[in-house]
Amino acid sequence: MSPPRRPDEEEPVAAGELVRETGTGQPSVPGEGVLPSGRISVARKVEQAPQTSPFTPVQLARLDEALTLSSRSTGLDFTVYLGELGENTRARSEQLHASLGDAASSAVLIAVSPGQRAVEIVTGDQAHRRLADRVCKLAVMAMVASFTEGDLPGGLVSGLRMLTDQAGAPPID
């Protein structure tokens, strides 16, 4: 038995789908076809959306690992904020730290605004007992040195490690 005859303007595309060419016998645009329903189907190359993160997946994994290890080994909650901090960078950093709620007391926030060239470290009451201002300033200096070389994730990881080393293990109650 022979397959059913199709009208000349129809060509099989896939099982159950037909494409109809325009009146010229050719689609008007390469990759375009008119379906029997009248709907125009167009095949286009889809471009990948530009990367919105300043970090590659590998860099994000390194940063995530450093944050996790810092929090686990010290018992403090380490957090990194990367973005605009406004005119008063310290006040905005303290506001971000306060937004951590109940966890703020044992939290350490590293706020970095690359566009403003600003780095702030905010510690809660419990965290401040274990991380003196001098230690935080040294960590900021180490981070800035890496940032100057264009190594944003490396600077953050370096700062986290310094703060972790100084904070030490959580006190035993």
N, C-alpha and C. Protein backbone atom coordinates (compact mmCIF):
# COMPACT_ATOMS: atom_id res chain seq x y z
N MET A 1 0.85 -1.17 0.00
CA MET A 1 0.00 0.00 0.00
C MET A 1 0.89 1.23 0.00
N SER A 2 0.59 2.18 -0.84
CA SER A 2 1.42 3.38 -0.94
C SER A 2 0.95 4.43 0.06
N PRO A 3 1.90 5.31 0.51
CA PRO A 3 1.51 6.35 1.47
C PRO A 3 0.52 7.31 0.83
N PRO A 4 -0.32 7.97 1.65
CA PRO A 4 -1.29 8.90 1.09
C PRO A 4 -0.59 10.04 0.36
N ARG A 5 -1.22 10.51 -0.71
CA ARG A 5 -0.65 11.59 -1.51
C ARG A 5 -0.88 12.91 -0.78
N ARG A 6 0.16 13.75 -0.76
CA ARG A 6 0.08 15.06 -0.10
C ARG A 6 -0.03 16.15 -1.17
N PRO A 7 -0.72 17.24 -0.85
CA PRO A 7 -0.73 18.36 -1.79
C PRO A 7 0.70 18.84 -2.02
N ASP A 8 0.96 19.42 -3.19
CA ASP A 8 2.31 19.82 -3.57
C ASP A 8 2.95 20.82 -2.61
N GLU A 9 2.16 21.67 -1.97
CA GLU A 9 2.75 22.70 -1.10
C GLU A 9 3.09 22.19 0.30
N GLU A 10 2.79 20.96 0.63
CA GLU A 10 3.07 20.44 1.97
C GLU A 10 4.22 19.45 1.93
N GLU A 11 5.07 19.53 2.94
CA GLU A 11 6.18 18.60 3.09
C GLU A 11 6.16 18.05 4.50
N PRO A 12 6.45 16.76 4.68
CA PRO A 12 6.50 16.24 6.04
C PRO A 12 7.72 16.81 6.76
N VAL A 13 7.53 17.23 8.00
CA VAL A 13 8.62 17.78 8.81
C VAL A 13 8.96 16.81 9.91
N ALA A 14 7.99 16.37 10.63
CA ALA A 14 8.15 15.37 11.69
C ALA A 14 6.83 14.64 11.78
N ALA A 15 6.82 13.57 12.52
CA ALA A 15 5.60 12.78 12.63
C ALA A 15 4.43 13.65 13.04
N GLY A 16 3.45 13.74 12.19
CA GLY A 16 2.24 14.47 12.52
C GLY A 16 2.30 15.97 12.27
N GLU A 17 3.44 16.49 11.81
CA GLU A 17 3.54 17.93 11.58
C GLU A 17 3.81 18.20 10.11
N LEU A 18 3.22 19.24 9.61
CA LEU A 18 3.42 19.64 8.22
C LEU A 18 3.84 21.10 8.19
N VAL A 19 4.62 21.43 7.19
CA VAL A 19 4.99 22.83 7.00
C VAL A 19 4.52 23.24 5.61
N ARG A 20 4.01 24.43 5.51
CA ARG A 20 3.54 24.94 4.23
C ARG A 20 4.44 26.11 3.87
N GLU A 21 4.98 26.06 2.69
CA GLU A 21 5.84 27.15 2.24
C GLU A 21 4.97 28.32 1.82
N THR A 22 5.59 29.50 1.76
CA THR A 22 4.85 30.69 1.34
C THR A 22 4.55 30.60 -0.15
N GLY A 23 3.81 31.54 -0.65
CA GLY A 23 3.36 31.54 -2.03
C GLY A 23 4.48 31.43 -3.05
N THR A 24 5.69 31.82 -2.72
CA THR A 24 6.80 31.75 -3.67
C THR A 24 7.36 30.35 -3.78
N GLY A 25 6.89 29.45 -2.93
CA GLY A 25 7.43 28.11 -2.92
C GLY A 25 8.59 27.96 -1.96
N GLN A 26 9.00 29.05 -1.37
CA GLN A 26 10.11 29.06 -0.42
C GLN A 26 9.67 29.81 0.84
N PRO A 27 10.14 29.39 2.00
CA PRO A 27 9.86 30.19 3.19
C PRO A 27 10.47 31.58 3.02
N SER A 28 9.84 32.60 3.58
CA SER A 28 10.33 33.96 3.39
C SER A 28 11.63 34.23 4.15
N VAL A 29 11.88 33.49 5.20
CA VAL A 29 13.10 33.64 5.99
C VAL A 29 13.65 32.24 6.22
N PRO A 30 14.97 32.04 6.12
CA PRO A 30 15.50 30.70 6.41
C PRO A 30 15.09 30.26 7.81
N GLY A 31 14.61 29.03 7.90
CA GLY A 31 14.18 28.50 9.19
C GLY A 31 12.73 28.79 9.52
N GLU A 32 12.00 29.42 8.59
CA GLU A 32 10.60 29.79 8.83
C GLU A 32 9.69 28.87 8.04
N GLY A 33 8.56 28.53 8.63
CA GLY A 33 7.56 27.73 7.94
C GLY A 33 6.18 28.08 8.45
N VAL A 34 5.18 27.91 7.60
CA VAL A 34 3.80 28.17 8.00
C VAL A 34 3.13 26.83 8.24
N LEU A 35 2.64 26.62 9.43
CA LEU A 35 1.99 25.36 9.78
C LEU A 35 0.57 25.34 9.22
N PRO A 36 -0.04 24.15 9.09
CA PRO A 36 -1.40 24.07 8.54
C PRO A 36 -2.40 24.94 9.29
N SER A 37 -2.15 25.19 10.57
CA SER A 37 -3.06 26.03 11.33
C SER A 37 -2.92 27.50 10.97
N GLY A 38 -1.88 27.82 10.19
CA GLY A 38 -1.64 29.21 9.84
C GLY A 38 -0.57 29.86 10.71
N ARG A 39 -0.21 29.17 11.77
CA ARG A 39 0.82 29.69 12.67
C ARG A 39 2.17 29.63 11.98
N ILE A 40 2.97 30.66 12.16
CA ILE A 40 4.31 30.68 11.58
C ILE A 40 5.28 30.11 12.60
N SER A 41 6.06 29.15 12.17
CA SER A 41 7.07 28.53 13.03
C SER A 41 8.44 28.96 12.52
N VAL A 42 9.25 29.50 13.42
CA VAL A 42 10.56 29.99 13.03
C VAL A 42 11.62 29.34 13.91
N ALA A 43 12.64 28.83 13.28
CA ALA A 43 13.78 28.28 14.02
C ALA A 43 14.85 29.36 14.10
N ARG A 44 15.30 29.64 15.30
CA ARG A 44 16.33 30.67 15.49
C ARG A 44 17.42 30.14 16.39
N LYS A 45 18.60 30.65 16.20
CA LYS A 45 19.70 30.30 17.09
C LYS A 45 19.52 31.09 18.38
N VAL A 46 19.51 30.39 19.50
CA VAL A 46 19.32 31.05 20.79
C VAL A 46 20.69 31.35 21.38
N GLU A 47 20.92 32.61 21.65
CA GLU A 47 22.18 33.03 22.26
C GLU A 47 22.08 32.85 23.77
N GLN A 48 23.18 32.43 24.38
CA GLN A 48 23.19 32.31 25.83
C GLN A 48 23.11 33.69 26.45
N ALA A 49 22.37 33.77 27.55
CA ALA A 49 22.26 35.04 28.26
C ALA A 49 23.63 35.36 28.87
N PRO A 50 23.98 36.64 28.89
CA PRO A 50 25.26 37.00 29.48
C PRO A 50 25.31 36.62 30.96
N GLN A 51 26.51 36.31 31.42
CA GLN A 51 26.69 35.92 32.81
C GLN A 51 26.38 37.12 33.71
N THR A 52 25.51 36.91 34.70
CA THR A 52 25.14 38.01 35.59
C THR A 52 25.96 38.00 36.87
N SER A 53 26.65 36.93 37.14
CA SER A 53 27.46 36.83 38.34
C SER A 53 28.90 37.22 38.02
N PRO A 54 29.57 37.91 38.95
CA PRO A 54 30.97 38.23 38.70
C PRO A 54 31.88 37.02 38.89
N PHE A 55 31.31 35.89 39.30
CA PHE A 55 32.09 34.69 39.58
C PHE A 55 31.75 33.57 38.60
N THR A 56 32.76 32.76 38.30
CA THR A 56 32.53 31.55 37.52
C THR A 56 31.96 30.50 38.47
N PRO A 57 31.39 29.43 37.94
CA PRO A 57 30.90 28.37 38.84
C PRO A 57 31.99 27.81 39.76
N VAL A 58 33.20 27.69 39.26
CA VAL A 58 34.31 27.18 40.09
C VAL A 58 34.62 28.15 41.22
N GLN A 59 34.64 29.45 40.90
CA GLN A 59 34.91 30.45 41.93
C GLN A 59 33.80 30.47 42.97
N LEU A 60 32.55 30.34 42.52
CA LEU A 60 31.43 30.28 43.46
C LEU A 60 31.54 29.08 44.38
N ALA A 61 31.97 27.96 43.83
CA ALA A 61 32.14 26.75 44.64
C ALA A 61 33.23 26.96 45.69
N ARG A 62 34.33 27.60 45.30
CA ARG A 62 35.41 27.89 46.26
C ARG A 62 34.92 28.80 47.38
N LEU A 63 34.18 29.84 47.00
CA LEU A 63 33.67 30.78 47.99
C LEU A 63 32.66 30.10 48.91
N ASP A 64 31.79 29.29 48.35
CA ASP A 64 30.81 28.57 49.16
C ASP A 64 31.50 27.63 50.13
N GLU A 65 32.53 26.94 49.66
CA GLU A 65 33.27 26.03 50.53
C GLU A 65 33.96 26.80 51.66
N ALA A 66 34.55 27.94 51.34
CA ALA A 66 35.22 28.74 52.36
C ALA A 66 34.22 29.25 53.40
N LEU A 67 33.05 29.70 52.96
CA LEU A 67 32.02 30.17 53.89
C LEU A 67 31.54 29.03 54.79
N THR A 68 31.31 27.88 54.19
CA THR A 68 30.83 26.72 54.95
C THR A 68 31.85 26.28 55.98
N LEU A 69 33.11 26.15 55.56
CA LEU A 69 34.16 25.72 56.49
C LEU A 69 34.38 26.74 57.60
N SER A 70 34.31 28.03 57.25
CA SER A 70 34.48 29.07 58.27
C SER A 70 33.39 28.99 59.32
N SER A 71 32.17 28.84 58.88
CA SER A 71 31.05 28.77 59.82
C SER A 71 31.11 27.50 60.67
N ARG A 72 31.42 26.38 60.04
CA ARG A 72 31.48 25.11 60.79
C ARG A 72 32.60 25.09 61.81
N SER A 73 33.77 25.56 61.42
CA SER A 73 34.93 25.43 62.31
C SER A 73 34.93 26.46 63.44
N THR A 74 34.22 27.58 63.28
CA THR A 74 34.22 28.61 64.33
C THR A 74 32.92 28.68 65.11
N GLY A 75 31.83 28.21 64.53
CA GLY A 75 30.52 28.36 65.16
C GLY A 75 29.93 29.74 64.92
N LEU A 76 30.61 30.58 64.15
CA LEU A 76 30.10 31.90 63.79
C LEU A 76 29.45 31.82 62.42
N ASP A 77 28.51 32.70 62.17
CA ASP A 77 27.83 32.73 60.87
C ASP A 77 28.51 33.75 59.97
N PHE A 78 29.30 33.28 59.00
CA PHE A 78 29.98 34.18 58.07
C PHE A 78 29.08 34.43 56.87
N THR A 79 29.01 35.70 56.46
CA THR A 79 28.17 36.11 55.35
C THR A 79 28.96 37.09 54.49
N VAL A 80 28.78 36.99 53.17
CA VAL A 80 29.42 37.92 52.24
C VAL A 80 28.34 38.66 51.48
N TYR A 81 28.46 39.99 51.43
CA TYR A 81 27.57 40.82 50.62
C TYR A 81 28.43 41.49 49.56
N LEU A 82 28.03 41.37 48.31
CA LEU A 82 28.75 41.98 47.20
C LEU A 82 27.77 42.87 46.45
N GLY A 83 28.00 44.17 46.49
CA GLY A 83 27.10 45.09 45.81
C GLY A 83 27.28 46.51 46.29
N GLU A 84 26.44 47.38 45.79
CA GLU A 84 26.48 48.80 46.13
C GLU A 84 26.13 48.99 47.60
N LEU A 85 26.88 49.86 48.27
CA LEU A 85 26.63 50.12 49.69
C LEU A 85 26.11 51.54 49.96
N GLY A 86 26.00 52.36 48.94
CA GLY A 86 25.49 53.71 49.14
C GLY A 86 26.56 54.66 49.64
N GLU A 87 26.12 55.88 50.00
CA GLU A 87 27.07 56.92 50.44
C GLU A 87 27.79 56.55 51.73
N ASN A 88 27.04 56.12 52.71
CA ASN A 88 27.62 55.77 54.01
C ASN A 88 27.77 54.24 54.06
N THR A 89 28.94 53.77 53.63
CA THR A 89 29.15 52.32 53.50
C THR A 89 29.06 51.61 54.85
N ARG A 90 29.56 52.26 55.90
CA ARG A 90 29.53 51.61 57.22
C ARG A 90 28.09 51.45 57.72
N ALA A 91 27.30 52.51 57.60
CA ALA A 91 25.91 52.45 58.06
C ALA A 91 25.12 51.40 57.28
N ARG A 92 25.33 51.33 55.98
CA ARG A 92 24.62 50.34 55.16
C ARG A 92 25.05 48.92 55.54
N SER A 93 26.35 48.74 55.81
CA SER A 93 26.85 47.42 56.21
C SER A 93 26.25 47.00 57.55
N GLU A 94 26.16 47.94 58.48
CA GLU A 94 25.55 47.63 59.78
C GLU A 94 24.07 47.30 59.62
N GLN A 95 23.42 47.99 58.70
CA GLN A 95 22.00 47.71 58.43
C GLN A 95 21.83 46.30 57.84
N LEU A 96 22.71 45.93 56.93
CA LEU A 96 22.67 44.58 56.36
C LEU A 96 22.92 43.53 57.44
N HIS A 97 23.87 43.81 58.32
CA HIS A 97 24.18 42.88 59.41
C HIS A 97 22.97 42.74 60.34
N ALA A 98 22.34 43.84 60.67
CA ALA A 98 21.17 43.80 61.55
C ALA A 98 20.01 43.02 60.92
N SER A 99 19.95 43.01 59.58
CA SER A 99 18.86 42.30 58.90
C SER A 99 18.99 40.78 59.05
N LEU A 100 20.09 40.31 59.62
CA LEU A 100 20.26 38.87 59.86
C LEU A 100 19.41 38.39 61.04
N GLY A 101 18.81 39.33 61.75
CA GLY A 101 17.90 38.98 62.85
C GLY A 101 18.61 38.38 64.04
N ASP A 102 18.06 37.28 64.55
CA ASP A 102 18.61 36.63 65.74
C ASP A 102 20.04 36.14 65.54
N ALA A 103 20.40 35.83 64.31
CA ALA A 103 21.75 35.32 64.02
C ALA A 103 22.80 36.42 64.03
N ALA A 104 22.39 37.69 64.08
CA ALA A 104 23.34 38.81 63.99
C ALA A 104 24.38 38.80 65.09
N SER A 105 24.02 38.36 66.27
CA SER A 105 24.96 38.37 67.40
C SER A 105 26.20 37.53 67.13
N SER A 106 26.02 36.40 66.47
CA SER A 106 27.16 35.52 66.19
C SER A 106 27.58 35.58 64.72
N ALA A 107 27.19 36.64 64.03
CA ALA A 107 27.46 36.74 62.60
C ALA A 107 28.63 37.68 62.30
N VAL A 108 29.30 37.37 61.20
CA VAL A 108 30.37 38.21 60.66
C VAL A 108 29.99 38.51 59.22
N LEU A 109 29.78 39.78 58.92
CA LEU A 109 29.41 40.19 57.56
C LEU A 109 30.61 40.84 56.90
N ILE A 110 30.97 40.35 55.73
CA ILE A 110 31.99 40.99 54.90
C ILE A 110 31.23 41.64 53.75
N ALA A 111 31.20 42.96 53.73
CA ALA A 111 30.49 43.71 52.69
C ALA A 111 31.51 44.34 51.75
N VAL A 112 31.36 44.05 50.46
CA VAL A 112 32.31 44.55 49.47
C VAL A 112 31.54 45.27 48.37
N SER A 113 31.96 46.49 48.08
CA SER A 113 31.39 47.25 46.97
C SER A 113 32.52 47.58 46.01
N PRO A 114 32.74 46.73 45.00
CA PRO A 114 33.86 46.96 44.09
C PRO A 114 33.80 48.31 43.38
N GLY A 115 32.60 48.74 43.00
CA GLY A 115 32.45 50.02 42.32
C GLY A 115 32.85 51.20 43.19
N GLN A 116 32.65 51.08 44.48
CA GLN A 116 33.01 52.14 45.42
C GLN A 116 34.39 51.92 46.03
N ARG A 117 34.97 50.77 45.74
CA ARG A 117 36.26 50.38 46.34
C ARG A 117 36.17 50.43 47.86
N ALA A 118 35.13 49.79 48.37
CA ALA A 118 34.89 49.79 49.82
C ALA A 118 34.75 48.36 50.32
N VAL A 119 35.35 48.11 51.48
CA VAL A 119 35.24 46.82 52.17
C VAL A 119 34.92 47.11 53.63
N GLU A 120 33.89 46.48 54.15
CA GLU A 120 33.51 46.64 55.55
C GLU A 120 33.33 45.26 56.17
N ILE A 121 33.79 45.11 57.41
CA ILE A 121 33.52 43.89 58.17
C ILE A 121 32.74 44.31 59.40
N VAL A 122 31.57 43.70 59.58
CA VAL A 122 30.72 43.99 60.73
C VAL A 122 30.57 42.69 61.52
N THR A 123 30.82 42.77 62.82
CA THR A 123 30.70 41.60 63.69
C THR A 123 29.61 41.83 64.72
N GLY A 124 28.92 40.77 65.09
CA GLY A 124 27.93 40.84 66.16
C GLY A 124 28.64 40.78 67.51
N ASP A 125 27.88 40.89 68.59
CA ASP A 125 28.47 40.91 69.94
C ASP A 125 29.32 39.67 70.23
N GLN A 126 28.77 38.50 69.99
CA GLN A 126 29.52 37.27 70.26
C GLN A 126 30.73 37.14 69.34
N ALA A 127 30.56 37.49 68.09
CA ALA A 127 31.66 37.40 67.13
C ALA A 127 32.77 38.39 67.47
N HIS A 128 32.38 39.57 67.97
CA HIS A 128 33.37 40.61 68.29
C HIS A 128 34.28 40.17 69.44
N ARG A 129 33.77 39.36 70.34
CA ARG A 129 34.59 38.86 71.45
C ARG A 129 35.74 37.99 70.94
N ARG A 130 35.54 37.38 69.80
CA ARG A 130 36.55 36.47 69.24
C ARG A 130 37.33 37.07 68.08
N LEU A 131 36.85 38.17 67.53
CA LEU A 131 37.53 38.83 66.41
C LEU A 131 37.74 40.31 66.75
N ALA A 132 38.94 40.64 67.16
CA ALA A 132 39.26 42.02 67.51
C ALA A 132 39.26 42.89 66.26
N ASP A 133 39.09 44.19 66.45
CA ASP A 133 39.10 45.14 65.33
C ASP A 133 40.40 45.04 64.53
N ARG A 134 41.51 44.87 65.24
CA ARG A 134 42.82 44.78 64.60
C ARG A 134 42.85 43.61 63.61
N VAL A 135 42.31 42.48 64.00
CA VAL A 135 42.27 41.29 63.13
C VAL A 135 41.41 41.57 61.90
N CYS A 136 40.29 42.22 62.10
CA CYS A 136 39.40 42.55 60.97
C CYS A 136 40.10 43.51 60.00
N LYS A 137 40.85 44.47 60.53
CA LYS A 137 41.58 45.41 59.66
C LYS A 137 42.64 44.68 58.85
N LEU A 138 43.32 43.72 59.46
CA LEU A 138 44.32 42.94 58.73
C LEU A 138 43.66 42.11 57.63
N ALA A 139 42.51 41.55 57.92
CA ALA A 139 41.78 40.77 56.91
C ALA A 139 41.36 41.67 55.75
N VAL A 140 40.91 42.89 56.06
CA VAL A 140 40.53 43.84 55.01
C VAL A 140 41.74 44.16 54.15
N MET A 141 42.89 44.39 54.77
CA MET A 141 44.11 44.70 54.02
C MET A 141 44.49 43.55 53.09
N ALA A 142 44.37 42.32 53.57
CA ALA A 142 44.69 41.15 52.74
C ALA A 142 43.72 41.05 51.56
N MET A 143 42.44 41.30 51.82
CA MET A 143 41.44 41.24 50.75
C MET A 143 41.70 42.32 49.71
N VAL A 144 41.98 43.53 50.17
CA VAL A 144 42.21 44.65 49.25
C VAL A 144 43.42 44.36 48.36
N ALA A 145 44.45 43.74 48.92
CA ALA A 145 45.63 43.40 48.11
C ALA A 145 45.24 42.47 46.96
N SER A 146 44.39 41.49 47.23
CA SER A 146 43.93 40.59 46.16
C SER A 146 42.99 41.31 45.20
N PHE A 147 42.11 42.14 45.73
CA PHE A 147 41.17 42.88 44.88
C PHE A 147 41.94 43.77 43.90
N THR A 148 43.02 44.38 44.37
CA THR A 148 43.83 45.26 43.53
C THR A 148 44.40 44.49 42.34
N GLU A 149 44.70 43.22 42.55
CA GLU A 149 45.23 42.37 41.48
C GLU A 149 44.12 41.80 40.60
N GLY A 150 42.87 42.15 40.89
CA GLY A 150 41.74 41.67 40.10
C GLY A 150 41.20 40.32 40.54
N ASP A 151 41.60 39.86 41.73
CA ASP A 151 41.17 38.55 42.22
C ASP A 151 40.12 38.71 43.32
N LEU A 152 38.90 39.01 42.93
CA LEU A 152 37.81 39.21 43.89
C LEU A 152 37.51 37.95 44.68
N PRO A 153 37.29 36.80 44.04
CA PRO A 153 36.98 35.60 44.84
C PRO A 153 38.16 35.17 45.71
N GLY A 154 39.36 35.28 45.19
CA GLY A 154 40.55 34.91 45.97
C GLY A 154 40.71 35.79 47.19
N GLY A 155 40.42 37.08 47.05
CA GLY A 155 40.50 38.00 48.18
C GLY A 155 39.49 37.67 49.26
N LEU A 156 38.27 37.34 48.84
CA LEU A 156 37.24 36.97 49.81
C LEU A 156 37.61 35.70 50.55
N VAL A 157 38.11 34.70 49.82
CA VAL A 157 38.51 33.43 50.45
C VAL A 157 39.67 33.68 51.41
N SER A 158 40.62 34.50 51.00
CA SER A 158 41.77 34.82 51.86
C SER A 158 41.31 35.50 53.15
N GLY A 159 40.42 36.48 53.03
CA GLY A 159 39.90 37.17 54.20
C GLY A 159 39.14 36.23 55.13
N LEU A 160 38.33 35.36 54.54
CA LEU A 160 37.59 34.38 55.34
C LEU A 160 38.54 33.47 56.11
N ARG A 161 39.59 33.03 55.46
CA ARG A 161 40.55 32.15 56.13
C ARG A 161 41.25 32.85 57.29
N MET A 162 41.63 34.11 57.07
CA MET A 162 42.28 34.86 58.16
C MET A 162 41.35 35.01 59.36
N LEU A 163 40.11 35.38 59.09
CA LEU A 163 39.15 35.56 60.18
C LEU A 163 38.86 34.23 60.88
N THR A 164 38.78 33.16 60.12
CA THR A 164 38.54 31.83 60.68
C THR A 164 39.68 31.42 61.60
N ASP A 165 40.91 31.62 61.13
CA ASP A 165 42.08 31.26 61.94
C ASP A 165 42.10 32.03 63.25
N GLN A 166 41.75 33.30 63.20
CA GLN A 166 41.79 34.12 64.41
C GLN A 166 40.64 33.80 65.37
N ALA A 167 39.47 33.48 64.81
CA ALA A 167 38.32 33.19 65.67
C ALA A 167 38.50 31.87 66.40
N GLY A 168 39.13 30.92 65.74
CA GLY A 168 39.36 29.61 66.37
C GLY A 168 38.08 28.81 66.52
N ALA A 169 38.20 27.73 67.26
CA ALA A 169 37.06 26.84 67.49
C ALA A 169 36.08 27.49 68.45
N PRO A 170 34.81 27.09 68.37
CA PRO A 170 33.82 27.67 69.28
C PRO A 170 34.14 27.30 70.73
N PRO A 171 33.87 28.22 71.64
CA PRO A 171 34.14 27.93 73.06
C PRO A 171 33.22 26.81 73.56
N ILE A 172 33.76 26.00 74.44
CA ILE A 172 32.98 24.90 75.02
C ILE A 172 32.27 25.45 76.25
N ASP A 173 30.97 25.25 76.30
CA ASP A 173 30.18 25.78 77.42
C ASP A 173 30.29 24.92 78.65
